[in-house]
Amino acid sequence: MNLLRRFYCRFAQTMMRLVGALVRYPSIEVAMTPEGVGMLLREKGFQRPFLIAGNTTIKHPISERIISFCGNFGINPFVYLRKNINPSVDSVCDMKRAYELSDCDCILS
């Protein structure tokens, strides 16, 4: 059963890559500094970013500065700490559910 599950996951990942090349996604904005994150979010009109972080990355000084600068601009991020390096369908569904329940309007990762 483990071999079948592995095949399914690899097949799904390959299909996502193929389909992803055909689908047009909204543009991705990159902020080069923690201060720039708050300014970029305010400029775009976002008020509730969904911040995806791991238990160790959230303790990093840069993460703390990003959250602090968001607060300076009146932006209240929702911090999602259950990051999974190799997500399963269930973990992605949990993340989607948390995004919807927290009333977020963008994803910050």
Protein backbone atom coordinates (compact mmCIF):
# COMPACT_ATOMS: atom_id res chain seq x y z
CA MET A 1 0.00 0.00 0.00
CA ASN A 2 2.89 2.38 0.74
CA LEU A 3 4.20 1.91 -2.81
CA LEU A 4 0.76 2.71 -4.25
CA ARG A 5 0.49 5.84 -2.10
CA ARG A 6 3.97 6.98 -3.15
CA PHE A 7 3.07 6.47 -6.81
CA TYR A 8 -0.15 8.45 -6.35
CA CYS A 9 1.69 11.34 -4.67
CA ARG A 10 4.39 11.50 -7.35
CA PHE A 11 1.77 11.29 -10.10
CA ALA A 12 -0.23 14.13 -8.51
CA GLN A 13 2.91 16.28 -8.15
CA THR A 14 3.83 15.69 -11.80
CA MET A 15 0.33 16.57 -12.96
CA MET A 16 0.37 19.76 -10.87
CA ARG A 17 3.63 20.80 -12.51
CA LEU A 18 2.26 20.14 -15.98
CA VAL A 19 -1.03 21.91 -15.34
CA GLY A 20 0.74 24.72 -13.47
CA ALA A 21 2.66 25.57 -16.61
CA LEU A 22 -0.62 26.10 -18.47
CA VAL A 23 -2.54 28.05 -15.82
CA ARG A 24 -2.02 31.80 -15.39
CA TYR A 25 -1.57 32.74 -11.73
CA PRO A 26 -1.77 36.22 -10.27
CA SER A 27 1.56 37.97 -10.04
CA ILE A 28 3.72 37.29 -7.03
CA GLU A 29 5.13 40.29 -5.18
CA VAL A 30 8.46 40.01 -3.37
CA ALA A 31 9.46 42.28 -0.51
CA MET A 32 13.20 42.45 0.06
CA THR A 33 13.11 43.60 3.70
CA PRO A 34 10.87 42.93 6.71
CA GLU A 35 9.89 46.60 6.62
CA GLY A 36 8.92 46.22 2.98
CA VAL A 37 6.44 43.46 3.81
CA GLY A 38 4.20 45.79 5.83
CA MET A 39 4.46 48.55 3.22
CA LEU A 40 3.66 46.14 0.36
CA LEU A 41 0.64 44.68 2.17
CA ARG A 42 -0.70 48.15 2.98
CA GLU A 43 -0.10 49.32 -0.59
CA LYS A 44 -2.07 46.37 -1.98
CA GLY A 45 -4.89 46.85 0.55
CA PHE A 46 -4.45 43.59 2.46
CA GLN A 47 -5.45 43.54 6.12
CA ARG A 48 -5.21 39.90 7.22
CA PRO A 49 -2.29 37.91 5.73
CA PHE A 50 -2.07 34.17 6.31
CA LEU A 51 1.54 33.78 7.48
CA ILE A 52 2.86 30.26 6.93
CA ALA A 53 5.78 29.43 9.20
CA GLY A 54 7.35 26.54 11.03
CA ASN A 55 7.98 26.34 14.75
CA THR A 56 11.63 27.30 14.29
CA THR A 57 11.22 29.97 11.60
CA ILE A 58 8.63 31.88 13.62
CA LYS A 59 11.23 32.36 16.39
CA HIS A 60 13.75 33.87 13.95
CA PRO A 61 14.34 37.62 14.38
CA ILE A 62 13.26 38.31 10.78
CA SER A 63 9.87 36.69 11.41
CA GLU A 64 9.44 38.75 14.56
CA ARG A 65 10.31 41.92 12.63
CA ILE A 66 7.83 41.08 9.85
CA ILE A 67 5.03 40.62 12.39
CA SER A 68 6.08 43.80 14.20
CA PHE A 69 6.16 45.90 11.02
CA CYS A 70 2.79 44.50 9.93
CA GLY A 71 1.42 45.66 13.29
CA ASN A 72 2.91 49.12 12.70
CA PHE A 73 0.81 49.37 9.53
CA GLY A 74 -2.36 48.12 11.26
CA ILE A 75 -2.13 44.70 9.65
CA ASN A 76 -2.92 41.69 11.84
CA PRO A 77 -1.41 38.48 10.37
CA PHE A 78 -2.78 35.04 11.19
CA VAL A 79 0.22 32.80 11.95
CA TYR A 80 -0.14 29.21 10.75
CA LEU A 81 2.48 27.07 12.50
CA ARG A 82 1.66 23.59 11.18
CA LYS A 83 3.92 23.84 8.13
CA ASN A 84 4.77 20.52 6.53
CA ILE A 85 7.80 20.19 4.23
CA ASN A 86 6.15 17.42 2.20
CA PRO A 87 2.42 18.16 2.57
CA SER A 88 -0.25 15.56 2.06
CA VAL A 89 -3.73 16.22 0.70
CA ASP A 90 -5.06 16.23 4.27
CA SER A 91 -2.55 18.83 5.48
CA VAL A 92 -3.31 21.09 2.50
CA CYS A 93 -7.04 20.76 3.22
CA ASP A 94 -6.38 21.68 6.87
CA MET A 95 -4.42 24.73 5.74
CA LYS A 96 -7.22 25.77 3.38
CA ARG A 97 -9.77 25.38 6.17
CA ALA A 98 -7.64 27.50 8.52
CA TYR A 99 -7.26 30.16 5.79
CA GLU A 100 -11.02 30.36 5.30
CA LEU A 101 -11.87 30.34 9.03
CA SER A 102 -9.33 33.05 9.87
CA ASP A 103 -10.84 35.41 7.27
CA CYS A 104 -7.49 36.05 5.56
CA ASP A 105 -7.11 37.92 2.30
CA CYS A 106 -3.61 36.89 1.15
CA ILE A 107 -0.86 34.34 1.82
CA LEU A 108 2.52 35.37 3.20
CA SER A 109 5.21 32.74 3.19
